[in-house]
C-alpha atoms as a PDB file:
ATOM      1  CA  MET A   1       0.121  -0.245   0.243  1.00  0.00           C
ATOM      2  CA  LYS A   2       2.364   2.375  -1.352  1.00  0.00           C
ATOM      3  CA  GLY A   3       1.546   6.045  -0.441  1.00  0.00           C
ATOM      4  CA  LYS A   4      -0.809   5.796   2.359  1.00  0.00           C
ATOM      5  CA  LYS A   5       0.000   6.759   5.663  1.00  0.00           C
ATOM      6  CA  VAL A   6       0.174   3.862   8.108  1.00  0.00           C
ATOM      7  CA  ASP A   7      -2.682   4.224  11.282  1.00  0.00           C
ATOM      8  CA  GLN A   8      -0.298   3.286  13.606  1.00  0.00           C
ATOM      9  CA  GLU A   9      -2.040   4.192  16.832  1.00  0.00           C
ATOM     10  CA  PHE A  10      -5.435   1.576  14.823  1.00  0.00           C
ATOM     11  CA  VAL A  11      -2.321  -0.953  14.646  1.00  0.00           C
ATOM     12  CA  SER A  12      -1.239  -1.384  17.959  1.00  0.00           C
ATOM     13  CA  GLN A  13      -4.804  -1.115  19.621  1.00  0.00           C
ATOM     14  CA  PHE A  14      -5.110  -4.442  16.429  1.00  0.00           C
ATOM     15  CA  ILE A  15      -2.451  -6.497  17.924  1.00  0.00           C
ATOM     16  CA  ILE A  16      -3.582  -5.729  21.848  1.00  0.00           C
ATOM     17  CA  GLN A  17      -7.138  -6.854  20.557  1.00  0.00           C
ATOM     18  CA  CYS A  18      -5.407 -10.266  18.909  1.00  0.00           C
ATOM     19  CA  THR A  19      -3.403 -11.081  22.461  1.00  0.00           C
ATOM     20  CA  LYS A  20      -5.321 -11.374  23.940  1.00  0.00           C
ATOM     21  CA  LYS A  21      -8.151 -13.657  21.737  1.00  0.00           C
ATOM     22  CA  GLU A  22      -4.173 -15.285  22.086  1.00  0.00           C
ATOM     23  CA  LEU A  23      -2.997 -15.427  18.270  1.00  0.00           C
ATOM     24  CA  ASN A  24       0.214 -14.719  19.444  1.00  0.00           C
ATOM     25  CA  THR A  25       2.141 -14.569  16.260  1.00  0.00           C
ATOM     26  CA  PRO A  26       2.132 -12.878  13.637  1.00  0.00           C
ATOM     27  CA  ASP A  27       1.159 -15.532  11.343  1.00  0.00           C
ATOM     28  CA  LEU A  28      -1.535 -16.562  13.673  1.00  0.00           C
ATOM     29  CA  ILE A  29      -2.766 -12.318  13.408  1.00  0.00           C
ATOM     30  CA  VAL A  30      -2.156 -12.711   9.781  1.00  0.00           C
ATOM     31  CA  GLU A  31      -4.688 -15.189   9.636  1.00  0.00           C
ATOM     32  CA  TYR A  32      -7.265 -13.564  11.246  1.00  0.00           C
ATOM     33  CA  VAL A  33      -7.373 -10.483   9.734  1.00  0.00           C
ATOM     34  CA  LYS A  34      -8.158 -12.200   6.566  1.00  0.00           C
ATOM     35  CA  LYS A  35     -10.584 -13.905   8.454  1.00  0.00           C
ATOM     36  CA  LEU A  36     -11.997 -10.716   9.477  1.00  0.00           C
ATOM     37  CA  ILE A  37     -11.357  -8.551   6.037  1.00  0.00           C
ATOM     38  CA  ALA A  38     -13.547 -11.762   3.823  1.00  0.00           C
ATOM     39  CA  ILE A  39     -16.464 -11.270   5.717  1.00  0.00           C
ATOM     40  CA  ILE A  40     -15.915  -7.203   5.067  1.00  0.00           C
ATOM     41  CA  ASP A  41     -15.526  -8.073   1.442  1.00  0.00           C
ATOM     42  CA  HIS A  42     -18.364 -10.579   1.655  1.00  0.00           C
ATOM     43  CA  LYS A  43     -20.979  -7.564   3.271  1.00  0.00           C
ATOM     44  CA  ILE A  44     -19.410  -5.348   1.020  1.00  0.00           C
ATOM     45  CA  ILE A  45     -20.575  -7.906  -2.226  1.00  0.00           C
ATOM     46  CA  ASP A  46     -23.776  -8.348   0.246  1.00  0.00           C
ATOM     47  CA  ALA A  47     -24.711  -4.503  -0.019  1.00  0.00           C
ATOM     48  CA  GLU A  48     -23.951  -4.289  -3.462  1.00  0.00           C
ATOM     49  CA  LYS A  49     -26.461  -6.943  -4.558  1.00  0.00           C
ATOM     50  CA  GLN A  50     -29.456  -5.123  -2.167  1.00  0.00           C
ATOM     51  CA  LYS A  51     -28.508  -2.100  -4.159  1.00  0.00           C
ATOM     52  CA  ILE A  52     -29.008  -3.226  -7.126  1.00  0.00           C
ATOM     53  CA  LYS A  53     -32.128  -4.901  -5.973  1.00  0.00           C
ATOM     54  CA  ARG A  54     -33.078  -1.746  -3.994  1.00  0.00           C
ATOM     55  CA  GLY A  55     -32.872   0.003  -7.659  1.00  0.00           C
ATOM     56  CA  LYS A  56     -36.089  -2.495  -8.507  1.00  0.00           C
ATOM     57  CA  LEU A  57     -38.027  -1.952  -6.240  1.00  0.00           C
ATOM     58  CA  LEU A  58     -37.760   1.122  -7.314  1.00  0.00           C
ATOM     59  CA  ASP A  59     -38.687   0.152 -10.630  1.00  0.00           C
ATOM     60  CA  VAL A  60     -41.791  -1.317  -9.292  1.00  0.00           C
ATOM     61  CA  ILE A  61     -42.922   1.546  -7.165  1.00  0.00           C
ATOM     62  CA  SER A  62     -42.525   4.142 -10.738  1.00  0.00           C
ATOM     63  CA  THR A  63     -44.663   1.160 -12.583  1.00  0.00           C
ATOM     64  CA  PHE A  64     -47.434   1.136  -9.980  1.00  0.00           C
ATOM     65  CA  GLU A  65     -47.126   5.021  -9.711  1.00  0.00           C
ATOM     66  CA  LYS A  66     -47.496   5.670 -13.230  1.00  0.00           C
ATOM     67  CA  ASN A  67     -50.643   2.852 -14.051  1.00  0.00           C
ATOM     68  CA  ASN A  68     -52.021   4.372 -11.029  1.00  0.00           C
ATOM     69  CA  LYS A  69     -51.573   8.431 -12.391  1.00  0.00           C
ATOM     70  CA  ILE A  70     -53.638   7.335 -15.747  1.00  0.00           C
ATOM     71  CA  ALA A  71     -56.129   5.351 -13.694  1.00  0.00           C
ATOM     72  CA  ASP A  72     -56.869   8.666 -12.008  1.00  0.00           C
ATOM     73  CA  GLN A  73     -56.385  10.079 -15.563  1.00  0.00           C
ATOM     74  CA  LYS A  74     -59.020   8.295 -17.027  1.00  0.00           C
ATOM     75  CA  ALA A  75     -61.582   8.382 -13.896  1.00  0.00           C
ATOM     76  CA  LYS A  76     -61.300  12.270 -14.619  1.00  0.00           C
ATOM     77  CA  GLN A  77     -62.463  11.856 -18.122  1.00  0.00           C
ATOM     78  CA  LEU A  78     -65.495   9.465 -17.103  1.00  0.00           C
ATOM     79  CA  PRO A  79     -67.974  11.888 -16.873  1.00  0.00           C
ATOM     80  CA  PHE A  80     -67.187  12.981 -20.677  1.00  0.00           C
ATOM     81  CA  PHE A  81     -68.808   9.549 -21.742  1.00  0.00           C
ATOM     82  CA  GLN A  82     -71.666  10.735 -20.816  1.00  0.00           C
ATOM     83  CA  ILE A  83     -71.553  14.013 -23.986  1.00  0.00           C
ATOM     84  CA  LYS A  84     -73.629  12.422 -26.794  1.00  0.00           C
ATOM     85  CA  ASN A  85     -72.826  13.099 -29.219  1.00  0.00           C
ATOM     86  CA  ILE A  86     -69.218  13.463 -30.203  1.00  0.00           C
ATOM     87  CA  ALA A  87     -69.347  14.779 -33.916  1.00  0.00           C
ATOM     88  CA  LEU A  88     -71.280  17.709 -32.665  1.00  0.00           C
ATOM     89  CA  CYS A  89     -68.654  18.542 -29.556  1.00  0.00           C
ATOM     90  CA  GLN A  90     -66.050  18.165 -31.550  1.00  0.00           C
ATOM     91  CA  PHE A  91     -67.551  20.857 -34.341  1.00  0.00           C
ATOM     92  CA  ILE A  92     -68.621  22.930 -31.387  1.00  0.00           C
ATOM     93  CA  ILE A  93     -65.116  22.958 -29.784  1.00  0.00           C
ATOM     94  CA  ARG A  94     -63.699  23.714 -33.305  1.00  0.00           C
ATOM     95  CA  GLN A  95     -65.350  26.980 -33.233  1.00  0.00           C
ATOM     96  CA  ILE A  96     -64.529  28.092 -29.925  1.00  0.00           C
ATOM     97  CA  LYS A  97     -60.916  27.049 -30.181  1.00  0.00           C
ATOM     98  CA  ILE A  98     -60.972  29.986 -32.899  1.00  0.00           C
ATOM     99  CA  LYS A  99     -62.631  32.634 -31.305  1.00  0.00           C
ATOM    100  CA  PRO A 100     -65.983  32.305 -28.750  1.00  0.00           C
ATOM    101  CA  CYS A 101     -69.722  32.377 -30.340  1.00  0.00           C
ATOM    102  CA  ARG A 102     -72.795  33.299 -30.172  1.00  0.00           C
ATOM    103  CA  LEU A 103     -75.641  30.425 -29.979  1.00  0.00           C
ATOM    104  CA  GLU A 104     -76.028  32.088 -34.370  1.00  0.00           C
ATOM    105  CA  ASP A 105     -72.263  31.169 -34.711  1.00  0.00           C
ATOM    106  CA  PHE A 106     -73.203  27.581 -34.445  1.00  0.00           C
ATOM    107  CA  SER A 107     -76.018  26.982 -36.939  1.00  0.00           C
ATOM    108  CA  SER A 108     -75.378  23.862 -39.291  1.00  0.00           C
ATOM    109  CA  ASN A 109     -76.572  22.334 -42.415  1.00  0.00           C
ATOM    110  CA  ILE A 110     -75.617  19.237 -41.163  1.00  0.00           C
ATOM    111  CA  TYR A 111     -77.249  19.642 -37.199  1.00  0.00           C
ATOM    112  CA  SER A 112     -80.255  20.811 -36.030  1.00  0.00           C
ATOM    113  CA  LYS A 113     -80.683  24.009 -33.678  1.00  0.00           C
ATOM    114  CA  PRO A 114     -82.570  21.991 -30.457  1.00  0.00           C
ATOM    115  CA  ASP A 115     -79.558  19.292 -31.184  1.00  0.00           C
ATOM    116  CA  ILE A 116     -77.073  22.177 -30.954  1.00  0.00           C
ATOM    117  CA  ILE A 117     -78.315  23.110 -28.484  1.00  0.00           C
ATOM    118  CA  PHE A 118     -78.568  20.239 -26.464  1.00  0.00           C
ATOM    119  CA  ASN A 119     -75.020  19.530 -26.962  1.00  0.00           C
ATOM    120  CA  LEU A 120     -73.679  23.335 -25.751  1.00  0.00           C
ATOM    121  CA  LYS A 121     -76.233  22.471 -22.594  1.00  0.00           C
ATOM    122  CA  GLN A 122     -74.511  19.344 -21.772  1.00  0.00           C
ATOM    123  CA  LEU A 123     -70.789  20.869 -22.366  1.00  0.00           C
ATOM    124  CA  LEU A 124     -71.650  23.743 -20.230  1.00  0.00           C
ATOM    125  CA  GLU A 125     -72.555  20.989 -17.522  1.00  0.00           C
ATOM    126  CA  HIS A 126     -69.302  19.389 -17.213  1.00  0.00           C
ATOM    127  CA  GLN A 127     -67.313  22.705 -17.520  1.00  0.00           C
ATOM    128  CA  VAL A 128     -66.136  22.136 -21.064  1.00  0.00           C
ATOM    129  CA  ILE A 129     -67.194  25.879 -22.233  1.00  0.00           C
ATOM    130  CA  SER A 130     -69.102  28.691 -20.191  1.00  0.00           C
ATOM    131  CA  LYS A 131     -71.517  31.188 -20.840  1.00  0.00           C
ATOM    132  CA  THR A 132     -70.678  34.510 -20.408  1.00  0.00           C
ATOM    133  CA  GLU A 133     -73.745  37.134 -21.457  1.00  0.00           C
ATOM    134  CA  GLY A 134     -75.222  34.815 -24.786  1.00  0.00           C
ATOM    135  CA  ILE A 135     -71.544  34.673 -25.515  1.00  0.00           C
ATOM    136  CA  PHE A 136     -69.903  30.249 -25.073  1.00  0.00           C
ATOM    137  CA  VAL A 137     -65.510  30.461 -24.406  1.00  0.00           C
ATOM    138  CA  LYS A 138     -63.359  28.266 -23.314  1.00  0.00           C
ATOM    139  CA  GLY A 139     -64.896  26.402 -19.987  1.00  0.00           C
ATOM    140  CA  GLU A 140     -62.521  24.496 -17.216  1.00  0.00           C
ATOM    141  CA  LYS A 141     -62.150  21.249 -18.714  1.00  0.00           C
ATOM    142  CA  PHE A 142     -61.945  22.638 -21.516  1.00  0.00           C
ATOM    143  CA  GLU A 143     -58.529  21.178 -22.561  1.00  0.00           C
ATOM    144  CA  LYS A 144     -58.856  18.146 -21.006  1.00  0.00           C
ATOM    145  CA  TYR A 145     -61.871  17.478 -23.204  1.00  0.00           C
ATOM    146  CA  LEU A 146     -60.509  17.997 -26.569  1.00  0.00           C
ATOM    147  CA  ASP A 147     -58.128  15.944 -25.269  1.00  0.00           C
ATOM    148  CA  PHE A 148     -60.779  13.255 -24.601  1.00  0.00           C
ATOM    149  CA  VAL A 149     -62.175  14.005 -27.419  1.00  0.00           C
ATOM    150  CA  LEU A 150     -58.859  13.175 -30.130  1.00  0.00           C
ATOM    151  CA  GLN A 151     -58.313  10.502 -28.396  1.00  0.00           C
ATOM    152  CA  GLU A 152     -61.698   9.336 -28.707  1.00  0.00           C
ATOM    153  CA  VAL A 153     -60.960   9.876 -32.350  1.00  0.00           C
ATOM    154  CA  ILE A 154     -57.381   8.310 -32.285  1.00  0.00           C
ATOM    155  CA  GLU A 155     -58.708   5.156 -30.836  1.00  0.00           C
END
C-alpha cells in the first residue's frame, strides 16, 4: 500500500486485542485479519446486491405510481363519456377554440338547432365550455375534453 499512511494507533490497538484472543504470532494475526477482510468483503458484496435490488424495487414503485396516474386520468375522463354526439361536440369545440361564439355561430346544415342546444347544455354542465352574456367560451375543462375528444377519434 504505497503512499498510504499507516494508522499506527489502530494497528497497536488491534495487536493488543489479538493478544487478548491468544493470537500471539504474526502468522496468527495475519490469518485472523484475512478472515476479517473476507467477512467485510462478503458484506460489501451483499450490500452491492441489495443496492441493485433496491433499484429494481424502485422500478416496481414507479410502475404502480405511473399506472395509478393513468387510472386517475381515465377516471377524470369518465364524465365525458356521458356527453352524446361527439361529432357535434367536435364541431362546437372547433368553433370555440378559434374564438368565443354566440348561439347563432353554431348554425349548420348538418346539425339541427335542438341538437346543438342540447350538446351546448351538456358541454356547459361538464364545464367544458362556459357562457357569459350569451357568449360561449372555453370552460375550466376545455383542454381536458379536447384531449379526450382527440383520443376518442384516434382510438
